């Protein structure tokens, strides 16, 4: 997930990601957009939180638990 400190949508998304990752036994990583490259900041700043599955953008703003489970189960 790409987010930033103090972002309530990021906190909500992370809760879903942590729950799904724990249930499925997969890892997850959280990156701070304020520490990201200028290119990533330009592309994603107004879309955080942004979730990625296997390096590909999966979702932004809100995380659907069902969609995330389906993507990780595939």
PDB file of N, CA and C in Angstrom:
ATOM      1  N   UNK A   1       0.840  -1.170   0.000  1.00  0.00           N
ATOM      2  CA  UNK A   1       0.000   0.000   0.000  1.00  0.00           C
ATOM      3  C   UNK A   1       0.884   1.233   0.000  1.00  0.00           C
ATOM      4  N   UNK A   2       0.473   2.212  -0.734  1.00  0.00           N
ATOM      5  CA  UNK A   2       1.135   3.504  -0.769  1.00  0.00           C
ATOM      6  C   UNK A   2       0.199   4.495  -0.087  1.00  0.00           C
ATOM      7  N   UNK A   3       0.653   5.085   0.999  1.00  0.00           N
ATOM      8  CA  UNK A   3      -0.172   6.014   1.757  1.00  0.00           C
ATOM      9  C   UNK A   3       0.688   7.066   2.408  1.00  0.00           C
ATOM     10  N   UNK A   4       0.120   7.705   3.442  1.00  0.00           N
ATOM     11  CA  UNK A   4       0.905   8.688   4.184  1.00  0.00           C
ATOM     12  C   UNK A   4       0.394   8.747   5.619  1.00  0.00           C
ATOM     13  N   UNK A   5       1.254   9.137   6.529  1.00  0.00           N
ATOM     14  CA  UNK A   5       0.848   9.263   7.933  1.00  0.00           C
ATOM     15  C   UNK A   5      -0.268  10.289   8.083  1.00  0.00           C
ATOM     16  N   UNK A   6      -1.210  10.002   8.992  1.00  0.00           N
ATOM     17  CA  UNK A   6      -2.293  10.926   9.261  1.00  0.00           C
ATOM     18  C   UNK A   6      -3.449  10.863   8.289  1.00  0.00           C
ATOM     19  N   UNK A   7      -3.414   9.930   7.370  1.00  0.00           N
ATOM     20  CA  UNK A   7      -4.471   9.767   6.366  1.00  0.00           C
ATOM     21  C   UNK A   7      -5.484   8.738   6.883  1.00  0.00           C
ATOM     22  N   UNK A   8      -6.704   9.192   7.188  1.00  0.00           N
ATOM     23  CA  UNK A   8      -7.696   8.263   7.734  1.00  0.00           C
ATOM     24  C   UNK A   8      -8.112   7.189   6.726  1.00  0.00           C
ATOM     25  N   UNK A   9      -8.142   7.518   5.444  1.00  0.00           N
ATOM     26  CA  UNK A   9      -8.450   6.487   4.440  1.00  0.00           C
ATOM     27  C   UNK A   9      -7.344   5.437   4.398  1.00  0.00           C
ATOM     28  N   UNK A  10      -6.108   5.870   4.600  1.00  0.00           N
ATOM     29  CA  UNK A  10      -4.979   4.932   4.626  1.00  0.00           C
ATOM     30  C   UNK A  10      -5.096   3.998   5.820  1.00  0.00           C
ATOM     31  N   UNK A  11      -5.489   4.541   6.968  1.00  0.00           N
ATOM     32  CA  UNK A  11      -5.682   3.713   8.166  1.00  0.00           C
ATOM     33  C   UNK A  11      -6.772   2.677   7.933  1.00  0.00           C
ATOM     34  N   UNK A  12      -7.870   3.100   7.316  1.00  0.00           N
ATOM     35  CA  UNK A  12      -8.970   2.168   7.018  1.00  0.00           C
ATOM     36  C   UNK A  12      -8.509   1.083   6.043  1.00  0.00           C
ATOM     37  N   UNK A  13      -7.797   1.492   5.007  1.00  0.00           N
ATOM     38  CA  UNK A  13      -7.313   0.535   4.007  1.00  0.00           C
ATOM     39  C   UNK A  13      -6.344  -0.453   4.630  1.00  0.00           C
ATOM     40  N   UNK A  14      -5.461   0.043   5.474  1.00  0.00           N
ATOM     41  CA  UNK A  14      -4.472  -0.828   6.101  1.00  0.00           C
ATOM     42  C   UNK A  14      -5.142  -1.869   6.991  1.00  0.00           C
ATOM     43  N   UNK A  15      -6.204  -1.507   7.668  1.00  0.00           N
ATOM     44  CA  UNK A  15      -6.923  -2.470   8.500  1.00  0.00           C
ATOM     45  C   UNK A  15      -7.458  -3.624   7.648  1.00  0.00           C
ATOM     46  N   UNK A  16      -8.008  -3.307   6.491  1.00  0.00           N
ATOM     47  CA  UNK A  16      -8.516  -4.345   5.579  1.00  0.00           C
ATOM     48  C   UNK A  16      -7.354  -5.197   5.066  1.00  0.00           C
ATOM     49  N   UNK A  17      -6.288  -4.548   4.642  1.00  0.00           N
ATOM     50  CA  UNK A  17      -5.127  -5.267   4.101  1.00  0.00           C
ATOM     51  C   UNK A  17      -4.540  -6.202   5.149  1.00  0.00           C
ATOM     52  N   UNK A  18      -4.390  -5.716   6.368  1.00  0.00           N
ATOM     53  CA  UNK A  18      -3.820  -6.557   7.430  1.00  0.00           C
ATOM     54  C   UNK A  18      -4.709  -7.759   7.718  1.00  0.00           C
ATOM     55  N   UNK A  19      -6.017  -7.554   7.746  1.00  0.00           N
ATOM     56  CA  UNK A  19      -6.946  -8.655   8.000  1.00  0.00           C
ATOM     57  C   UNK A  19      -6.873  -9.706   6.890  1.00  0.00           C
ATOM     58  N   UNK A  20      -6.912  -9.265   5.649  1.00  0.00           N
ATOM     59  CA  UNK A  20      -6.877 -10.188   4.515  1.00  0.00           C
ATOM     60  C   UNK A  20      -5.522 -10.895   4.450  1.00  0.00           C
ATOM     61  N   UNK A  21      -4.445 -10.163   4.632  1.00  0.00           N
ATOM     62  CA  UNK A  21      -3.106 -10.758   4.581  1.00  0.00           C
ATOM     63  C   UNK A  21      -2.944 -11.818   5.669  1.00  0.00           C
ATOM     64  N   UNK A  22      -3.441 -11.532   6.861  1.00  0.00           N
ATOM     65  CA  UNK A  22      -3.350 -12.505   7.958  1.00  0.00           C
ATOM     66  C   UNK A  22      -4.173 -13.755   7.651  1.00  0.00           C
ATOM     67  N   UNK A  23      -5.381 -13.558   7.144  1.00  0.00           N
ATOM     68  CA  UNK A  23      -6.248 -14.693   6.808  1.00  0.00           C
ATOM     69  C   UNK A  23      -5.634 -15.580   5.732  1.00  0.00           C
ATOM     70  N   UNK A  24      -4.981 -14.960   4.750  1.00  0.00           N
ATOM     71  CA  UNK A  24      -4.438 -15.712   3.622  1.00  0.00           C
ATOM     72  C   UNK A  24      -2.972 -16.105   3.810  1.00  0.00           C
ATOM     73  N   UNK A  25      -2.358 -15.618   4.868  1.00  0.00           N
ATOM     74  CA  UNK A  25      -0.958 -15.961   5.122  1.00  0.00           C
ATOM     75  C   UNK A  25       0.009 -15.334   4.135  1.00  0.00           C
ATOM     76  N   UNK A  26      -0.291 -14.112   3.713  1.00  0.00           N
ATOM     77  CA  UNK A  26       0.591 -13.402   2.779  1.00  0.00           C
ATOM     78  C   UNK A  26       1.132 -12.146   3.459  1.00  0.00           C
ATOM     79  N   UNK A  27       2.247 -11.671   2.955  1.00  0.00           N
ATOM     80  CA  UNK A  27       2.847 -10.466   3.499  1.00  0.00           C
ATOM     81  C   UNK A  27       2.280  -9.222   2.849  1.00  0.00           C
ATOM     82  N   UNK A  28       2.603  -8.098   3.451  1.00  0.00           N
ATOM     83  CA  UNK A  28       2.217  -6.821   2.877  1.00  0.00           C
ATOM     84  C   UNK A  28       3.258  -5.774   3.259  1.00  0.00           C
ATOM     85  N   UNK A  29       3.280  -4.721   2.502  1.00  0.00           N
ATOM     86  CA  UNK A  29       4.247  -3.646   2.713  1.00  0.00           C
ATOM     87  C   UNK A  29       3.497  -2.317   2.634  1.00  0.00           C
ATOM     88  N   UNK A  30       3.883  -1.396   3.492  1.00  0.00           N
ATOM     89  CA  UNK A  30       3.316  -0.056   3.469  1.00  0.00           C
ATOM     90  C   UNK A  30       4.441   0.913   3.143  1.00  0.00           C
ATOM     91  N   UNK A  31       4.212   1.735   2.126  1.00  0.00           N
ATOM     92  CA  UNK A  31       5.201   2.751   1.749  1.00  0.00           C
ATOM     93  C   UNK A  31       4.588   4.133   1.922  1.00  0.00           C
ATOM     94  N   UNK A  32       5.408   5.077   2.339  1.00  0.00           N
ATOM     95  CA  UNK A  32       5.000   6.454   2.578  1.00  0.00           C
ATOM     96  C   UNK A  32       5.186   7.253   1.298  1.00  0.00           C
ATOM     97  N   UNK A  33       4.101   7.811   0.785  1.00  0.00           N
ATOM     98  CA  UNK A  33       4.178   8.551  -0.476  1.00  0.00           C
ATOM     99  C   UNK A  33       5.065   9.784  -0.354  1.00  0.00           C
ATOM    100  N   UNK A  34       5.206  10.322   0.855  1.00  0.00           N
ATOM    101  CA  UNK A  34       6.074  11.492   1.015  1.00  0.00           C
ATOM    102  C   UNK A  34       7.542  11.131   0.830  1.00  0.00           C
ATOM    103  N   UNK A  35       7.855   9.835   0.873  1.00  0.00           N
ATOM    104  CA  UNK A  35       9.222   9.357   0.656  1.00  0.00           C
ATOM    105  C   UNK A  35       9.394   8.724  -0.719  1.00  0.00           C
ATOM    106  N   UNK A  36       8.340   8.735  -1.522  1.00  0.00           N
ATOM    107  CA  UNK A  36       8.353   8.094  -2.846  1.00  0.00           C
ATOM    108  C   UNK A  36       9.032   9.005  -3.867  1.00  0.00           C
ATOM    109  N   UNK A  37       9.251   8.443  -5.030  1.00  0.00           N
ATOM    110  CA  UNK A  37       9.845   9.220  -6.124  1.00  0.00           C
ATOM    111  C   UNK A  37       8.888  10.319  -6.574  1.00  0.00           C
ATOM    112  N   UNK A  38       9.436  11.330  -7.216  1.00  0.00           N
ATOM    113  CA  UNK A  38       8.610  12.422  -7.744  1.00  0.00           C
ATOM    114  C   UNK A  38       7.568  11.886  -8.720  1.00  0.00           C
ATOM    115  N   UNK A  39       7.946  10.899  -9.492  1.00  0.00           N
ATOM    116  CA  UNK A  39       7.020  10.294 -10.464  1.00  0.00           C
ATOM    117  C   UNK A  39       5.826   9.651  -9.747  1.00  0.00           C
ATOM    118  N   UNK A  40       6.108   8.877  -8.696  1.00  0.00           N
ATOM    119  CA  UNK A  40       5.024   8.244  -7.941  1.00  0.00           C
ATOM    120  C   UNK A  40       4.154   9.292  -7.246  1.00  0.00           C
ATOM    121  N   UNK A  41       4.771  10.315  -6.690  1.00  0.00           N
ATOM    122  CA  UNK A  41       3.985  11.372  -6.036  1.00  0.00           C
ATOM    123  C   UNK A  41       3.063  12.045  -7.042  1.00  0.00           C
ATOM    124  N   UNK A  42       3.580  12.352  -8.217  1.00  0.00           N
ATOM    125  CA  UNK A  42       2.756  12.980  -9.252  1.00  0.00           C
ATOM    126  C   UNK A  42       1.595  12.085  -9.674  1.00  0.00           C
ATOM    127  N   UNK A  43       1.863  10.811  -9.809  1.00  0.00           N
ATOM    128  CA  UNK A  43       0.844   9.877 -10.297  1.00  0.00           C
ATOM    129  C   UNK A  43      -0.194   9.517  -9.236  1.00  0.00           C
ATOM    130  N   UNK A  44       0.237   9.360  -7.992  1.00  0.00           N
ATOM    131  CA  UNK A  44      -0.646   8.778  -6.974  1.00  0.00           C
ATOM    132  C   UNK A  44      -1.076   9.708  -5.846  1.00  0.00           C
ATOM    133  N   UNK A  45      -0.531  10.924  -5.745  1.00  0.00           N
ATOM    134  CA  UNK A  45      -0.795  11.771  -4.577  1.00  0.00           C
ATOM    135  C   UNK A  45      -2.290  11.929  -4.299  1.00  0.00           C
ATOM    136  N   UNK A  46      -3.083  12.175  -5.312  1.00  0.00           N
ATOM    137  CA  UNK A  46      -4.513  12.405  -5.093  1.00  0.00           C
ATOM    138  C   UNK A  46      -5.336  11.117  -5.105  1.00  0.00           C
ATOM    139  N   UNK A  47      -4.665   9.970  -5.094  1.00  0.00           N
ATOM    140  CA  UNK A  47      -5.357   8.679  -5.119  1.00  0.00           C
ATOM    141  C   UNK A  47      -5.111   7.845  -3.866  1.00  0.00           C
ATOM    142  N   UNK A  48      -4.279   8.334  -2.925  1.00  0.00           N
ATOM    143  CA  UNK A  48      -3.938   7.513  -1.771  1.00  0.00           C
ATOM    144  C   UNK A  48      -5.165   7.253  -0.901  1.00  0.00           C
ATOM    145  N   UNK A  49      -5.208   6.102  -0.294  1.00  0.00           N
ATOM    146  CA  UNK A  49      -4.239   5.016  -0.363  1.00  0.00           C
ATOM    147  C   UNK A  49      -4.359   4.259  -1.685  1.00  0.00           C
ATOM    148  N   UNK A  50      -3.233   3.816  -2.179  1.00  0.00           N
ATOM    149  CA  UNK A  50      -3.194   3.028  -3.405  1.00  0.00           C
ATOM    150  C   UNK A  50      -2.699   1.636  -3.025  1.00  0.00           C
ATOM    151  N   UNK A  51      -3.449   0.629  -3.421  1.00  0.00           N
ATOM    152  CA  UNK A  51      -3.025  -0.742  -3.150  1.00  0.00           C
ATOM    153  C   UNK A  51      -2.486  -1.370  -4.429  1.00  0.00           C
ATOM    154  N   UNK A  52      -1.512  -2.226  -4.232  1.00  0.00           N
ATOM    155  CA  UNK A  52      -0.868  -2.940  -5.331  1.00  0.00           C
ATOM    156  C   UNK A  52      -0.892  -4.429  -5.007  1.00  0.00           C
ATOM    157  N   UNK A  53      -1.076  -5.240  -6.021  1.00  0.00           N
ATOM    158  CA  UNK A  53      -0.972  -6.692  -5.890  1.00  0.00           C
ATOM    159  C   UNK A  53       0.057  -7.139  -6.915  1.00  0.00           C
ATOM    160  N   UNK A  54       1.103  -7.776  -6.429  1.00  0.00           N
ATOM    161  CA  UNK A  54       2.202  -8.224  -7.293  1.00  0.00           C
ATOM    162  C   UNK A  54       2.766  -7.078  -8.135  1.00  0.00           C
ATOM    163  N   UNK A  55       2.871  -5.895  -7.531  1.00  0.00           N
ATOM    164  CA  UNK A  55       3.472  -4.755  -8.205  1.00  0.00           C
ATOM    165  C   UNK A  55       2.561  -3.992  -9.146  1.00  0.00           C
ATOM    166  N   UNK A  56       1.345  -4.470  -9.345  1.00  0.00           N
ATOM    167  CA  UNK A  56       0.390  -3.808 -10.239  1.00  0.00           C
ATOM    168  C   UNK A  56      -0.659  -3.083  -9.406  1.00  0.00           C
ATOM    169  N   UNK A  57      -1.023  -1.864  -9.838  1.00  0.00           N
ATOM    170  CA  UNK A  57      -2.048  -1.124  -9.098  1.00  0.00           C
ATOM    171  C   UNK A  57      -3.340  -1.922  -9.073  1.00  0.00           C
ATOM    172  N   UNK A  58      -3.881  -2.055  -7.879  1.00  0.00           N
ATOM    173  CA  UNK A  58      -5.106  -2.834  -7.699  1.00  0.00           C
ATOM    174  C   UNK A  58      -6.296  -1.917  -7.416  1.00  0.00           C
ATOM    175  N   UNK A  59      -6.147  -1.000  -6.489  1.00  0.00           N
ATOM    176  CA  UNK A  59      -7.252  -0.155  -6.056  1.00  0.00           C
ATOM    177  C   UNK A  59      -6.711   1.161  -5.535  1.00  0.00           C
ATOM    178  N   UNK A  60      -7.588   2.146  -5.389  1.00  0.00           N
ATOM    179  CA  UNK A  60      -7.193   3.385  -4.735  1.00  0.00           C
ATOM    180  C   UNK A  60      -8.392   3.963  -3.991  1.00  0.00           C
ATOM    181  N   UNK A  61      -8.131   4.858  -3.058  1.00  0.00           N
ATOM    182  CA  UNK A  61      -9.059   5.502  -2.131  1.00  0.00           C
ATOM    183  C   UNK A  61      -9.642   4.538  -1.118  1.00  0.00           C
ATOM    184  N   UNK A  62     -10.346   3.557  -1.552  1.00  0.00           N
ATOM    185  CA  UNK A  62     -10.962   2.578  -0.641  1.00  0.00           C
ATOM    186  C   UNK A  62     -10.530   1.179  -1.077  1.00  0.00           C
ATOM    187  N   UNK A  63     -10.427   0.278  -0.117  1.00  0.00           N
ATOM    188  CA  UNK A  63     -10.048  -1.093  -0.422  1.00  0.00           C
ATOM    189  C   UNK A  63     -11.263  -1.984  -0.220  1.00  0.00           C
ATOM    190  N   UNK A  64     -11.643  -2.679  -1.270  1.00  0.00           N
ATOM    191  CA  UNK A  64     -12.723  -3.657  -1.183  1.00  0.00           C
ATOM    192  C   UNK A  64     -12.126  -4.974  -0.707  1.00  0.00           C
ATOM    193  N   UNK A  65     -12.585  -5.419   0.456  1.00  0.00           N
ATOM    194  CA  UNK A  65     -12.058  -6.671   0.990  1.00  0.00           C
ATOM    195  C   UNK A  65     -12.309  -7.835   0.027  1.00  0.00           C
ATOM    196  N   UNK A  66     -13.460  -7.867  -0.577  1.00  0.00           N
ATOM    197  CA  UNK A  66     -13.794  -8.964  -1.489  1.00  0.00           C
ATOM    198  C   UNK A  66     -12.881  -8.950  -2.718  1.00  0.00           C
ATOM    199  N   UNK A  67     -12.686  -7.757  -3.294  1.00  0.00           N
ATOM    200  CA  UNK A  67     -11.806  -7.666  -4.479  1.00  0.00           C
ATOM    201  C   UNK A  67     -10.359  -8.020  -4.132  1.00  0.00           C
ATOM    202  N   UNK A  68      -9.911  -7.589  -2.955  1.00  0.00           N
ATOM    203  CA  UNK A  68      -8.541  -7.886  -2.538  1.00  0.00           C
ATOM    204  C   UNK A  68      -8.374  -9.379  -2.314  1.00  0.00           C
ATOM    205  N   UNK A  69      -9.323  -9.992  -1.639  1.00  0.00           N
ATOM    206  CA  UNK A  69      -9.249 -11.450  -1.429  1.00  0.00           C
ATOM    207  C   UNK A  69      -9.219 -12.192  -2.762  1.00  0.00           C
ATOM    208  N   UNK A  70     -10.046 -11.780  -3.687  1.00  0.00           N
ATOM    209  CA  UNK A  70     -10.092 -12.429  -5.002  1.00  0.00           C
ATOM    210  C   UNK A  70      -8.767 -12.259  -5.737  1.00  0.00           C
ATOM    211  N   UNK A  71      -8.192 -11.060  -5.680  1.00  0.00           N
ATOM    212  CA  UNK A  71      -6.918 -10.811  -6.374  1.00  0.00           C
ATOM    213  C   UNK A  71      -5.778 -11.614  -5.758  1.00  0.00           C
ATOM    214  N   UNK A  72      -5.772 -11.735  -4.448  1.00  0.00           N
ATOM    215  CA  UNK A  72      -4.704 -12.466  -3.777  1.00  0.00           C
ATOM    216  C   UNK A  72      -4.905 -13.980  -3.849  1.00  0.00           C
ATOM    217  N   UNK A  73      -6.147 -14.392  -4.052  1.00  0.00           N
ATOM    218  CA  UNK A  73      -6.422 -15.818  -4.160  1.00  0.00           C
ATOM    219  C   UNK A  73      -6.199 -16.371  -5.557  1.00  0.00           C
ATOM    220  N   UNK A  74      -6.068 -15.462  -6.523  1.00  0.00           N
ATOM    221  CA  UNK A  74      -5.912 -15.883  -7.926  1.00  0.00           C
ATOM    222  C   UNK A  74      -4.521 -16.393  -8.198  1.00  0.00           C
TER     223      UNK A  74
END
